[in-house]
PDB file of N, CA and C in Angstrom:
ATOM      1  N   UNK A   1       0.843  -1.187   0.000  1.00  0.00           N
ATOM      2  CA  UNK A   1       0.000   0.000   0.000  1.00  0.00           C
ATOM      3  C   UNK A   1       0.880   1.239   0.000  1.00  0.00           C
ATOM      4  N   UNK A   2       0.552   2.180  -0.878  1.00  0.00           N
ATOM      5  CA  UNK A   2       1.343   3.394  -0.988  1.00  0.00           C
ATOM      6  C   UNK A   2       0.998   4.360   0.139  1.00  0.00           C
ATOM      7  N   UNK A   3       2.021   4.882   0.776  1.00  0.00           N
ATOM      8  CA  UNK A   3       1.830   5.920   1.798  1.00  0.00           C
ATOM      9  C   UNK A   3       2.829   7.035   1.557  1.00  0.00           C
ATOM     10  N   UNK A   4       2.356   8.254   1.700  1.00  0.00           N
ATOM     11  CA  UNK A   4       3.194   9.443   1.546  1.00  0.00           C
ATOM     12  C   UNK A   4       3.044  10.289   2.806  1.00  0.00           C
ATOM     13  N   UNK A   5       4.170  10.640   3.410  1.00  0.00           N
ATOM     14  CA  UNK A   5       4.132  11.428   4.637  1.00  0.00           C
ATOM     15  C   UNK A   5       5.025  12.653   4.466  1.00  0.00           C
ATOM     16  N   UNK A   6       4.409  13.826   4.482  1.00  0.00           N
ATOM     17  CA  UNK A   6       5.159  15.078   4.339  1.00  0.00           C
ATOM     18  C   UNK A   6       5.637  15.589   5.691  1.00  0.00           C
ATOM     19  N   UNK A   7       6.711  16.336   5.661  1.00  0.00           N
ATOM     20  CA  UNK A   7       7.231  16.993   6.853  1.00  0.00           C
ATOM     21  C   UNK A   7       8.048  18.211   6.428  1.00  0.00           C
ATOM     22  N   UNK A   8       8.369  19.059   7.413  1.00  0.00           N
ATOM     23  CA  UNK A   8       9.243  20.187   7.146  1.00  0.00           C
ATOM     24  C   UNK A   8       8.554  21.534   7.032  1.00  0.00           C
ATOM     25  N   UNK A   9       7.243  21.551   7.075  1.00  0.00           N
ATOM     26  CA  UNK A   9       6.542  22.828   6.997  1.00  0.00           C
ATOM     27  C   UNK A   9       6.727  23.652   8.254  1.00  0.00           C
ATOM     28  N   UNK A  10       6.290  24.902   8.185  1.00  0.00           N
ATOM     29  CA  UNK A  10       6.392  25.777   9.344  1.00  0.00           C
ATOM     30  C   UNK A  10       6.240  27.220   8.963  1.00  0.00           C
ATOM     31  N   UNK A  11       6.598  28.087   9.903  1.00  0.00           N
ATOM     32  CA  UNK A  11       6.526  29.540   9.711  1.00  0.00           C
ATOM     33  C   UNK A  11       7.908  30.054   9.329  1.00  0.00           C
ATOM     34  N   UNK A  12       7.980  30.828   8.262  1.00  0.00           N
ATOM     35  CA  UNK A  12       9.254  31.360   7.800  1.00  0.00           C
ATOM     36  C   UNK A  12       9.062  32.807   7.352  1.00  0.00           C
ATOM     37  N   UNK A  13      10.082  33.611   7.520  1.00  0.00           N
ATOM     38  CA  UNK A  13      10.005  35.013   7.114  1.00  0.00           C
ATOM     39  C   UNK A  13      10.161  35.134   5.596  1.00  0.00           C
ATOM     40  N   UNK A  14       9.604  36.189   5.022  1.00  0.00           N
ATOM     41  CA  UNK A  14       9.783  36.411   3.578  1.00  0.00           C
ATOM     42  C   UNK A  14      11.258  36.447   3.213  1.00  0.00           C
ATOM     43  N   UNK A  15      11.580  35.782   2.117  1.00  0.00           N
ATOM     44  CA  UNK A  15      12.953  35.689   1.668  1.00  0.00           C
ATOM     45  C   UNK A  15      13.713  34.499   2.225  1.00  0.00           C
ATOM     46  N   UNK A  16      13.158  33.844   3.199  1.00  0.00           N
ATOM     47  CA  UNK A  16      13.829  32.728   3.848  1.00  0.00           C
ATOM     48  C   UNK A  16      13.669  31.418   3.110  1.00  0.00           C
ATOM     49  N   UNK A  17      14.414  30.398   3.544  1.00  0.00           N
ATOM     50  CA  UNK A  17      14.338  29.066   2.951  1.00  0.00           C
ATOM     51  C   UNK A  17      13.548  28.097   3.823  1.00  0.00           C
ATOM     52  N   UNK A  18      13.110  27.035   3.170  1.00  0.00           N
ATOM     53  CA  UNK A  18      12.458  25.948   3.886  1.00  0.00           C
ATOM     54  C   UNK A  18      12.605  24.709   3.024  1.00  0.00           C
ATOM     55  N   UNK A  19      12.764  23.574   3.656  1.00  0.00           N
ATOM     56  CA  UNK A  19      12.917  22.322   2.914  1.00  0.00           C
ATOM     57  C   UNK A  19      11.841  21.343   3.354  1.00  0.00           C
ATOM     58  N   UNK A  20      11.032  20.928   2.401  1.00  0.00           N
ATOM     59  CA  UNK A  20       9.999  19.947   2.663  1.00  0.00           C
ATOM     60  C   UNK A  20      10.479  18.563   2.265  1.00  0.00           C
ATOM     61  N   UNK A  21       9.969  17.556   2.971  1.00  0.00           N
ATOM     62  CA  UNK A  21      10.295  16.177   2.642  1.00  0.00           C
ATOM     63  C   UNK A  21       9.018  15.364   2.518  1.00  0.00           C
ATOM     64  N   UNK A  22       9.076  14.352   1.656  1.00  0.00           N
ATOM     65  CA  UNK A  22       7.959  13.425   1.478  1.00  0.00           C
ATOM     66  C   UNK A  22       8.536  12.013   1.538  1.00  0.00           C
ATOM     67  N   UNK A  23       8.248  11.320   2.625  1.00  0.00           N
ATOM     68  CA  UNK A  23       8.710   9.944   2.777  1.00  0.00           C
ATOM     69  C   UNK A  23       7.683   9.015   2.139  1.00  0.00           C
ATOM     70  N   UNK A  24       8.148   8.252   1.159  1.00  0.00           N
ATOM     71  CA  UNK A  24       7.249   7.370   0.410  1.00  0.00           C
ATOM     72  C   UNK A  24       7.502   5.906   0.769  1.00  0.00           C
ATOM     73  N   UNK A  25       6.425   5.154   0.906  1.00  0.00           N
ATOM     74  CA  UNK A  25       6.528   3.706   1.112  1.00  0.00           C
ATOM     75  C   UNK A  25       5.537   3.009   0.197  1.00  0.00           C
ATOM     76  N   UNK A  26       5.857   1.773  -0.153  1.00  0.00           N
ATOM     77  CA  UNK A  26       4.966   1.009  -1.011  1.00  0.00           C
ATOM     78  C   UNK A  26       5.133   1.290  -2.494  1.00  0.00           C
ATOM     79  N   UNK A  27       6.179   2.003  -2.869  1.00  0.00           N
ATOM     80  CA  UNK A  27       6.426   2.289  -4.274  1.00  0.00           C
ATOM     81  C   UNK A  27       7.917   2.450  -4.525  1.00  0.00           C
ATOM     82  N   UNK A  28       8.285   2.384  -5.796  1.00  0.00           N
ATOM     83  CA  UNK A  28       9.675   2.644  -6.167  1.00  0.00           C
ATOM     84  C   UNK A  28       9.696   3.796  -7.157  1.00  0.00           C
ATOM     85  N   UNK A  29      10.658   4.678  -7.027  1.00  0.00           N
ATOM     86  CA  UNK A  29      10.697   5.892  -7.826  1.00  0.00           C
ATOM     87  C   UNK A  29      10.883   5.609  -9.319  1.00  0.00           C
ATOM     88  N   UNK A  30      11.342   4.429  -9.655  1.00  0.00           N
ATOM     89  CA  UNK A  30      11.578   4.130 -11.073  1.00  0.00           C
ATOM     90  C   UNK A  30      10.288   4.040 -11.870  1.00  0.00           C
ATOM     91  N   UNK A  31       9.161   3.828 -11.197  1.00  0.00           N
ATOM     92  CA  UNK A  31       7.886   3.676 -11.902  1.00  0.00           C
ATOM     93  C   UNK A  31       6.810   4.639 -11.435  1.00  0.00           C
ATOM     94  N   UNK A  32       7.183   5.608 -10.622  1.00  0.00           N
ATOM     95  CA  UNK A  32       6.211   6.575 -10.124  1.00  0.00           C
ATOM     96  C   UNK A  32       6.749   7.998 -10.318  1.00  0.00           C
ATOM     97  N   UNK A  33       5.907   8.850 -10.920  1.00  0.00           N
ATOM     98  CA  UNK A  33       6.211  10.275 -10.978  1.00  0.00           C
ATOM     99  C   UNK A  33       5.895  10.884  -9.623  1.00  0.00           C
ATOM    100  N   UNK A  34       6.797  11.684  -9.115  1.00  0.00           N
ATOM    101  CA  UNK A  34       6.606  12.303  -7.808  1.00  0.00           C
ATOM    102  C   UNK A  34       6.480  13.817  -7.970  1.00  0.00           C
ATOM    103  N   UNK A  35       5.471  14.378  -7.304  1.00  0.00           N
ATOM    104  CA  UNK A  35       5.184  15.800  -7.487  1.00  0.00           C
ATOM    105  C   UNK A  35       4.834  16.465  -6.167  1.00  0.00           C
ATOM    106  N   UNK A  36       4.944  17.778  -6.192  1.00  0.00           N
ATOM    107  CA  UNK A  36       4.445  18.618  -5.103  1.00  0.00           C
ATOM    108  C   UNK A  36       3.346  19.520  -5.668  1.00  0.00           C
ATOM    109  N   UNK A  37       2.283  19.636  -4.910  1.00  0.00           N
ATOM    110  CA  UNK A  37       1.206  20.565  -5.183  1.00  0.00           C
ATOM    111  C   UNK A  37       1.021  21.427  -3.941  1.00  0.00           C
ATOM    112  N   UNK A  38       0.249  22.485  -4.091  1.00  0.00           N
ATOM    113  CA  UNK A  38      -0.081  23.313  -2.933  1.00  0.00           C
ATOM    114  C   UNK A  38      -1.494  23.843  -3.061  1.00  0.00           C
ATOM    115  N   UNK A  39      -2.062  24.130  -1.898  1.00  0.00           N
ATOM    116  CA  UNK A  39      -3.413  24.679  -1.872  1.00  0.00           C
ATOM    117  C   UNK A  39      -3.497  25.750  -0.802  1.00  0.00           C
ATOM    118  N   UNK A  40      -3.790  26.955  -1.229  1.00  0.00           N
ATOM    119  CA  UNK A  40      -3.967  28.077  -0.319  1.00  0.00           C
ATOM    120  C   UNK A  40      -5.448  28.179   0.043  1.00  0.00           C
ATOM    121  N   UNK A  41      -5.754  28.812   1.178  1.00  0.00           N
ATOM    122  CA  UNK A  41      -7.157  28.944   1.591  1.00  0.00           C
ATOM    123  C   UNK A  41      -7.998  29.631   0.517  1.00  0.00           C
ATOM    124  N   UNK A  42      -9.116  29.013   0.175  1.00  0.00           N
ATOM    125  CA  UNK A  42     -10.021  29.608  -0.794  1.00  0.00           C
ATOM    126  C   UNK A  42      -9.586  29.479  -2.236  1.00  0.00           C
ATOM    127  N   UNK A  43      -8.485  28.750  -2.458  1.00  0.00           N
ATOM    128  CA  UNK A  43      -7.980  28.609  -3.824  1.00  0.00           C
ATOM    129  C   UNK A  43      -7.940  27.139  -4.214  1.00  0.00           C
ATOM    130  N   UNK A  44      -7.854  26.898  -5.522  1.00  0.00           N
ATOM    131  CA  UNK A  44      -7.751  25.533  -6.009  1.00  0.00           C
ATOM    132  C   UNK A  44      -6.333  25.001  -5.804  1.00  0.00           C
ATOM    133  N   UNK A  45      -6.257  23.696  -5.752  1.00  0.00           N
ATOM    134  CA  UNK A  45      -4.951  23.056  -5.648  1.00  0.00           C
ATOM    135  C   UNK A  45      -4.168  23.330  -6.928  1.00  0.00           C
ATOM    136  N   UNK A  46      -2.883  23.660  -6.775  1.00  0.00           N
ATOM    137  CA  UNK A  46      -2.084  23.964  -7.960  1.00  0.00           C
ATOM    138  C   UNK A  46      -0.781  23.184  -7.954  1.00  0.00           C
ATOM    139  N   UNK A  47      -0.323  22.897  -9.159  1.00  0.00           N
ATOM    140  CA  UNK A  47       0.930  22.185  -9.362  1.00  0.00           C
ATOM    141  C   UNK A  47       2.102  23.067  -8.983  1.00  0.00           C
ATOM    142  N   UNK A  48       3.110  22.458  -8.349  1.00  0.00           N
ATOM    143  CA  UNK A  48       4.321  23.187  -7.967  1.00  0.00           C
ATOM    144  C   UNK A  48       5.544  22.651  -8.720  1.00  0.00           C
ATOM    145  N   UNK A  49       5.772  21.343  -8.592  1.00  0.00           N
ATOM    146  CA  UNK A  49       6.969  20.764  -9.209  1.00  0.00           C
ATOM    147  C   UNK A  49       6.790  19.262  -9.343  1.00  0.00           C
ATOM    148  N   UNK A  50       7.487  18.682 -10.324  1.00  0.00           N
ATOM    149  CA  UNK A  50       7.441  17.242 -10.510  1.00  0.00           C
ATOM    150  C   UNK A  50       8.805  16.711 -10.925  1.00  0.00           C
ATOM    151  N   UNK A  51       9.043  15.456 -10.584  1.00  0.00           N
ATOM    152  CA  UNK A  51      10.221  14.744 -11.044  1.00  0.00           C
ATOM    153  C   UNK A  51       9.732  13.421 -11.630  1.00  0.00           C
ATOM    154  N   UNK A  52      10.045  13.193 -12.911  1.00  0.00           N
ATOM    155  CA  UNK A  52       9.416  12.091 -13.615  1.00  0.00           C
ATOM    156  C   UNK A  52      10.218  10.797 -13.505  1.00  0.00           C
ATOM    157  N   UNK A  53       9.510   9.714 -13.736  1.00  0.00           N
ATOM    158  CA  UNK A  53      10.125   8.387 -13.750  1.00  0.00           C
ATOM    159  C   UNK A  53      10.199   7.883 -15.183  1.00  0.00           C
ATOM    160  N   UNK A  54      11.261   7.178 -15.554  1.00  0.00           N
ATOM    161  CA  UNK A  54      12.417   6.870 -14.718  1.00  0.00           C
ATOM    162  C   UNK A  54      13.586   7.832 -14.891  1.00  0.00           C
ATOM    163  N   UNK A  55      13.415   8.795 -15.784  1.00  0.00           N
ATOM    164  CA  UNK A  55      14.562   9.629 -16.147  1.00  0.00           C
ATOM    165  C   UNK A  55      14.902  10.748 -15.188  1.00  0.00           C
ATOM    166  N   UNK A  56      13.965  11.084 -14.303  1.00  0.00           N
ATOM    167  CA  UNK A  56      14.248  12.137 -13.345  1.00  0.00           C
ATOM    168  C   UNK A  56      14.181  13.539 -13.918  1.00  0.00           C
ATOM    169  N   UNK A  57      13.405  13.726 -15.006  1.00  0.00           N
ATOM    170  CA  UNK A  57      13.225  15.082 -15.526  1.00  0.00           C
ATOM    171  C   UNK A  57      12.439  15.913 -14.506  1.00  0.00           C
ATOM    172  N   UNK A  58      12.805  17.186 -14.408  1.00  0.00           N
ATOM    173  CA  UNK A  58      12.159  18.069 -13.439  1.00  0.00           C
ATOM    174  C   UNK A  58      11.402  19.182 -14.164  1.00  0.00           C
ATOM    175  N   UNK A  59      10.218  19.474 -13.655  1.00  0.00           N
ATOM    176  CA  UNK A  59       9.401  20.540 -14.219  1.00  0.00           C
ATOM    177  C   UNK A  59       8.823  21.362 -13.086  1.00  0.00           C
ATOM    178  N   UNK A  60       8.688  22.650 -13.314  1.00  0.00           N
ATOM    179  CA  UNK A  60       8.235  23.566 -12.268  1.00  0.00           C
ATOM    180  C   UNK A  60       7.137  24.488 -12.778  1.00  0.00           C
ATOM    181  N   UNK A  61       6.301  24.905 -11.850  1.00  0.00           N
ATOM    182  CA  UNK A  61       5.352  25.964 -12.168  1.00  0.00           C
ATOM    183  C   UNK A  61       6.134  27.251 -12.377  1.00  0.00           C
ATOM    184  N   UNK A  62       5.646  28.109 -13.254  1.00  0.00           N
ATOM    185  CA  UNK A  62       6.343  29.369 -13.526  1.00  0.00           C
ATOM    186  C   UNK A  62       6.517  30.199 -12.262  1.00  0.00           C
ATOM    187  N   UNK A  63       5.567  30.114 -11.357  1.00  0.00           N
ATOM    188  CA  UNK A  63       5.600  30.940 -10.152  1.00  0.00           C
ATOM    189  C   UNK A  63       6.725  30.568  -9.193  1.00  0.00           C
ATOM    190  N   UNK A  64       7.296  29.371  -9.340  1.00  0.00           N
ATOM    191  CA  UNK A  64       8.351  28.947  -8.415  1.00  0.00           C
ATOM    192  C   UNK A  64       9.676  28.686  -9.112  1.00  0.00           C
ATOM    193  N   UNK A  65       9.674  28.775 -10.445  1.00  0.00           N
ATOM    194  CA  UNK A  65      10.878  28.471 -11.205  1.00  0.00           C
ATOM    195  C   UNK A  65      12.020  29.390 -10.767  1.00  0.00           C
ATOM    196  N   UNK A  66      13.181  28.800 -10.526  1.00  0.00           N
ATOM    197  CA  UNK A  66      14.336  29.563 -10.091  1.00  0.00           C
ATOM    198  C   UNK A  66      14.428  29.723  -8.583  1.00  0.00           C
ATOM    199  N   UNK A  67      13.363  29.402  -7.877  1.00  0.00           N
ATOM    200  CA  UNK A  67      13.368  29.519  -6.411  1.00  0.00           C
ATOM    201  C   UNK A  67      13.249  28.161  -5.728  1.00  0.00           C
ATOM    202  N   UNK A  68      12.486  27.247  -6.330  1.00  0.00           N
ATOM    203  CA  UNK A  68      12.258  25.933  -5.734  1.00  0.00           C
ATOM    204  C   UNK A  68      13.023  24.874  -6.512  1.00  0.00           C
ATOM    205  N   UNK A  69      13.460  23.831  -5.793  1.00  0.00           N
ATOM    206  CA  UNK A  69      14.147  22.711  -6.419  1.00  0.00           C
ATOM    207  C   UNK A  69      13.591  21.408  -5.873  1.00  0.00           C
ATOM    208  N   UNK A  70      13.165  20.525  -6.772  1.00  0.00           N
ATOM    209  CA  UNK A  70      12.691  19.202  -6.366  1.00  0.00           C
ATOM    210  C   UNK A  70      13.825  18.200  -6.565  1.00  0.00           C
ATOM    211  N   UNK A  71      13.933  17.266  -5.618  1.00  0.00           N
ATOM    212  CA  UNK A  71      14.955  16.229  -5.729  1.00  0.00           C
ATOM    213  C   UNK A  71      14.447  14.966  -5.060  1.00  0.00           C
ATOM    214  N   UNK A  72      15.131  13.876  -5.333  1.00  0.00           N
ATOM    215  CA  UNK A  72      14.728  12.636  -4.671  1.00  0.00           C
ATOM    216  C   UNK A  72      15.952  11.861  -4.204  1.00  0.00           C
ATOM    217  N   UNK A  73      15.796  11.241  -3.055  1.00  0.00           N
ATOM    218  CA  UNK A  73      16.837  10.407  -2.460  1.00  0.00           C
ATOM    219  C   UNK A  73      16.357   8.963  -2.590  1.00  0.00           C
ATOM    220  N   UNK A  74      16.912   8.256  -3.566  1.00  0.00           N
ATOM    221  CA  UNK A  74      16.445   6.899  -3.833  1.00  0.00           C
ATOM    222  C   UNK A  74      16.743   5.948  -2.675  1.00  0.00           C
ATOM    223  N   UNK A  75      17.852   6.179  -1.996  1.00  0.00           N
ATOM    224  CA  UNK A  75      18.229   5.297  -0.889  1.00  0.00           C
ATOM    225  C   UNK A  75      17.226   5.390   0.261  1.00  0.00           C
ATOM    226  N   UNK A  76      16.667   6.592   0.456  1.00  0.00           N
ATOM    227  CA  UNK A  76      15.734   6.804   1.564  1.00  0.00           C
ATOM    228  C   UNK A  76      14.288   6.869   1.094  1.00  0.00           C
ATOM    229  N   UNK A  77      14.073   6.702  -0.219  1.00  0.00           N
ATOM    230  CA  UNK A  77      12.711   6.774  -0.786  1.00  0.00           C
ATOM    231  C   UNK A  77      12.000   8.050  -0.351  1.00  0.00           C
ATOM    232  N   UNK A  78      12.712   9.145  -0.479  1.00  0.00           N
ATOM    233  CA  UNK A  78      12.209  10.444  -0.025  1.00  0.00           C
ATOM    234  C   UNK A  78      12.366  11.473  -1.133  1.00  0.00           C
ATOM    235  N   UNK A  79      11.355  12.299  -1.274  1.00  0.00           N
ATOM    236  CA  UNK A  79      11.383  13.413  -2.209  1.00  0.00           C
ATOM    237  C   UNK A  79      11.452  14.708  -1.408  1.00  0.00           C
ATOM    238  N   UNK A  80      12.286  15.623  -1.866  1.00  0.00           N
ATOM    239  CA  UNK A  80      12.448  16.901  -1.168  1.00  0.00           C
ATOM    240  C   UNK A  80      12.009  18.050  -2.063  1.00  0.00           C
ATOM    241  N   UNK A  81      11.590  19.111  -1.423  1.00  0.00           N
ATOM    242  CA  UNK A  81      11.322  20.368  -2.122  1.00  0.00           C
ATOM    243  C   UNK A  81      12.065  21.462  -1.370  1.00  0.00           C
ATOM    244  N   UNK A  82      13.156  21.916  -1.954  1.00  0.00           N
ATOM    245  CA  UNK A  82      13.915  23.026  -1.373  1.00  0.00           C
ATOM    246  C   UNK A  82      13.312  24.312  -1.878  1.00  0.00           C
ATOM    247  N   UNK A  83      12.882  25.149  -0.945  1.00  0.00           N
ATOM    248  CA  UNK A  83      12.220  26.401  -1.296  1.00  0.00           C
ATOM    249  C   UNK A  83      13.069  27.557  -0.793  1.00  0.00           C
ATOM    250  N   UNK A  84      13.509  28.396  -1.697  1.00  0.00           N
ATOM    251  CA  UNK A  84      14.292  29.583  -1.359  1.00  0.00           C
ATOM    252  C   UNK A  84      13.548  30.840  -1.786  1.00  0.00           C
ATOM    253  N   UNK A  85      13.913  31.948  -1.202  1.00  0.00           N
ATOM    254  CA  UNK A  85      13.275  33.199  -1.583  1.00  0.00           C
ATOM    255  C   UNK A  85      11.777  33.183  -1.417  1.00  0.00           C
ATOM    256  N   UNK A  86      11.319  32.658  -0.284  1.00  0.00           N
ATOM    257  CA  UNK A  86       9.884  32.491  -0.096  1.00  0.00           C
ATOM    258  C   UNK A  86       9.163  33.834  -0.023  1.00  0.00           C
ATOM    259  N   UNK A  87       7.955  33.823  -0.578  1.00  0.00           N
ATOM    260  CA  UNK A  87       7.105  35.006  -0.614  1.00  0.00           C
ATOM    261  C   UNK A  87       5.804  34.707   0.122  1.00  0.00           C
ATOM    262  N   UNK A  88       5.102  35.744   0.493  1.00  0.00           N
ATOM    263  CA  UNK A  88       3.839  35.544   1.215  1.00  0.00           C
ATOM    264  C   UNK A  88       2.856  34.724   0.380  1.00  0.00           C
ATOM    265  N   UNK A  89       2.916  34.887  -0.930  1.00  0.00           N
ATOM    266  CA  UNK A  89       2.000  34.134  -1.798  1.00  0.00           C
ATOM    267  C   UNK A  89       2.337  32.656  -1.897  1.00  0.00           C
ATOM    268  N   UNK A  90       3.448  32.243  -1.308  1.00  0.00           N
ATOM    269  CA  UNK A  90       3.780  30.823  -1.246  1.00  0.00           C
ATOM    270  C   UNK A  90       3.088  30.130  -0.067  1.00  0.00           C
ATOM    271  N   UNK A  91       2.436  30.913   0.778  1.00  0.00           N
ATOM    272  CA  UNK A  91       1.721  30.342   1.916  1.00  0.00           C
ATOM    273  C   UNK A  91       0.626  29.398   1.440  1.00  0.00           C
ATOM    274  N   UNK A  92       0.684  28.157   1.917  1.00  0.00           N
ATOM    275  CA  UNK A  92      -0.277  27.140   1.479  1.00  0.00           C
ATOM    276  C   UNK A  92       0.001  25.834   2.222  1.00  0.00           C
ATOM    277  N   UNK A  93      -0.908  24.896   2.066  1.00  0.00           N
ATOM    278  CA  UNK A  93      -0.631  23.519   2.452  1.00  0.00           C
ATOM    279  C   UNK A  93       0.036  22.852   1.252  1.00  0.00           C
ATOM    280  N   UNK A  94       1.180  22.259   1.497  1.00  0.00           N
ATOM    281  CA  UNK A  94       1.928  21.593   0.427  1.00  0.00           C
ATOM    282  C   UNK A  94       1.704  20.089   0.518  1.00  0.00           C
ATOM    283  N   UNK A  95       1.349  19.512  -0.622  1.00  0.00           N
ATOM    284  CA  UNK A  95       0.998  18.100  -0.646  1.00  0.00           C
ATOM    285  C   UNK A  95       1.888  17.335  -1.616  1.00  0.00           C
ATOM    286  N   UNK A  96       2.273  16.161  -1.194  1.00  0.00           N
ATOM    287  CA  UNK A  96       3.071  15.260  -2.018  1.00  0.00           C
ATOM    288  C   UNK A  96       2.123  14.358  -2.819  1.00  0.00           C
ATOM    289  N   UNK A  97       2.486  14.118  -4.056  1.00  0.00           N
ATOM    290  CA  UNK A  97       1.657  13.289  -4.939  1.00  0.00           C
ATOM    291  C   UNK A  97       2.525  12.258  -5.646  1.00  0.00           C
ATOM    292  N   UNK A  98       2.007  11.039  -5.733  1.00  0.00           N
ATOM    293  CA  UNK A  98       2.662   9.982  -6.498  1.00  0.00           C
ATOM    294  C   UNK A  98       1.695   9.505  -7.574  1.00  0.00           C
ATOM    295  N   UNK A  99       2.177   9.422  -8.809  1.00  0.00           N
ATOM    296  CA  UNK A  99       1.333   8.948  -9.917  1.00  0.00           C
ATOM    297  C   UNK A  99       2.065   7.853 -10.664  1.00  0.00           C
ATOM    298  N   UNK A 100       1.397   6.705 -10.797  1.00  0.00           N
ATOM    299  CA  UNK A 100       2.006   5.565 -11.459  1.00  0.00           C
ATOM    300  C   UNK A 100       2.275   5.850 -12.923  1.00  0.00           C
ATOM    301  N   UNK A 101       3.486   5.557 -13.361  1.00  0.00           N
ATOM    302  CA  UNK A 101       3.863   5.848 -14.745  1.00  0.00           C
ATOM    303  C   UNK A 101       3.042   5.028 -15.726  1.00  0.00           C
ATOM    304  N   UNK A 102       2.738   3.808 -15.352  1.00  0.00           N
ATOM    305  CA  UNK A 102       1.968   2.931 -16.244  1.00  0.00           C
ATOM    306  C   UNK A 102       0.493   2.904 -15.876  1.00  0.00           C
ATOM    307  N   UNK A 103       0.193   2.801 -14.588  1.00  0.00           N
ATOM    308  CA  UNK A 103      -1.188   2.627 -14.139  1.00  0.00           C
ATOM    309  C   UNK A 103      -1.972   3.931 -14.106  1.00  0.00           C
ATOM    310  N   UNK A 104      -1.258   5.033 -13.885  1.00  0.00           N
ATOM    311  CA  UNK A 104      -1.951   6.304 -13.723  1.00  0.00           C
ATOM    312  C   UNK A 104      -2.594   6.472 -12.362  1.00  0.00           C
ATOM    313  N   UNK A 105      -2.455   5.472 -11.494  1.00  0.00           N
ATOM    314  CA  UNK A 105      -2.999   5.583 -10.138  1.00  0.00           C
ATOM    315  C   UNK A 105      -2.319   6.734  -9.420  1.00  0.00           C
ATOM    316  N   UNK A 106      -3.058   7.407  -8.563  1.00  0.00           N
ATOM    317  CA  UNK A 106      -2.507   8.562  -7.858  1.00  0.00           C
ATOM    318  C   UNK A 106      -2.762   8.465  -6.364  1.00  0.00           C
ATOM    319  N   UNK A 107      -1.774   8.884  -5.608  1.00  0.00           N
ATOM    320  CA  UNK A 107      -1.871   8.919  -4.152  1.00  0.00           C
ATOM    321  C   UNK A 107      -1.426  10.287  -3.657  1.00  0.00           C
ATOM    322  N   UNK A 108      -2.016  10.691  -2.519  1.00  0.00           N
ATOM    323  CA  UNK A 108      -1.696  11.984  -1.918  1.00  0.00           C
ATOM    324  C   UNK A 108      -1.267  11.803  -0.472  1.00  0.00           C
ATOM    325  N   UNK A 109      -0.376  12.663  -0.023  1.00  0.00           N
ATOM    326  CA  UNK A 109      -0.066  12.745   1.384  1.00  0.00           C
ATOM    327  C   UNK A 109      -1.083  13.629   2.079  1.00  0.00           C
ATOM    328  N   UNK A 110      -0.897  13.809   3.396  1.00  0.00           N
ATOM    329  CA  UNK A 110      -1.867  14.592   4.172  1.00  0.00           C
ATOM    330  C   UNK A 110      -1.573  16.085   4.119  1.00  0.00           C
ATOM    331  N   UNK A 111      -0.376  16.436   3.685  1.00  0.00           N
ATOM    332  CA  UNK A 111      -0.013  17.845   3.531  1.00  0.00           C
ATOM    333  C   UNK A 111       0.748  18.395   4.720  1.00  0.00           C
ATOM    334  N   UNK A 112       1.510  19.445   4.453  1.00  0.00           N
ATOM    335  CA  UNK A 112       2.230  20.153   5.504  1.00  0.00           C
ATOM    336  C   UNK A 112       2.077  21.653   5.265  1.00  0.00           C
ATOM    337  N   UNK A 113       1.796  22.389   6.335  1.00  0.00           N
ATOM    338  CA  UNK A 113       1.501  23.817   6.222  1.00  0.00           C
ATOM    339  C   UNK A 113       2.783  24.632   6.118  1.00  0.00           C
ATOM    340  N   UNK A 114       2.819  25.516   5.144  1.00  0.00           N
ATOM    341  CA  UNK A 114       3.909  26.481   5.007  1.00  0.00           C
ATOM    342  C   UNK A 114       3.300  27.877   5.110  1.00  0.00           C
ATOM    343  N   UNK A 115       3.803  28.664   6.045  1.00  0.00           N
ATOM    344  CA  UNK A 115       3.322  30.032   6.231  1.00  0.00           C
ATOM    345  C   UNK A 115       4.491  30.985   6.113  1.00  0.00           C
ATOM    346  N   UNK A 116       4.387  31.911   5.187  1.00  0.00           N
ATOM    347  CA  UNK A 116       5.434  32.907   4.972  1.00  0.00           C
ATOM    348  C   UNK A 116       4.912  34.244   5.470  1.00  0.00           C
ATOM    349  N   UNK A 117       5.513  34.718   6.556  1.00  0.00           N
ATOM    350  CA  UNK A 117       5.024  35.943   7.170  1.00  0.00           C
ATOM    351  C   UNK A 117       6.103  36.546   8.051  1.00  0.00           C
ATOM    352  N   UNK A 118       6.091  37.874   8.134  1.00  0.00           N
ATOM    353  CA  UNK A 118       7.029  38.540   9.031  1.00  0.00           C
ATOM    354  C   UNK A 118       6.389  38.775  10.386  1.00  0.00           C
TER     355      UNK A 118
END
């Protein structure tokens, strides 16, 4: 059974960094695309970044390009989202997503809150 557990959220000042982690179990990164999404209060869930299987291509939303970096640690089955230069508009619940490369099945984590405020 696939499980995704996010961690690393919190309160950070504008311009500061934060690193999110998504610990995955029940899957292997070679056959699952791993992504981060976010949802702010009153807004729809939006795509943030993805790392594809099996080649590890990375894609980002325009709003975070150049500031956020997605990576994966195959040994620990963990996906990270390094966020630099945070802005107030980055405030949201960040959710980890796994999508099967062949099956198209999708799983979500419970999310971790990121608040950017002075």
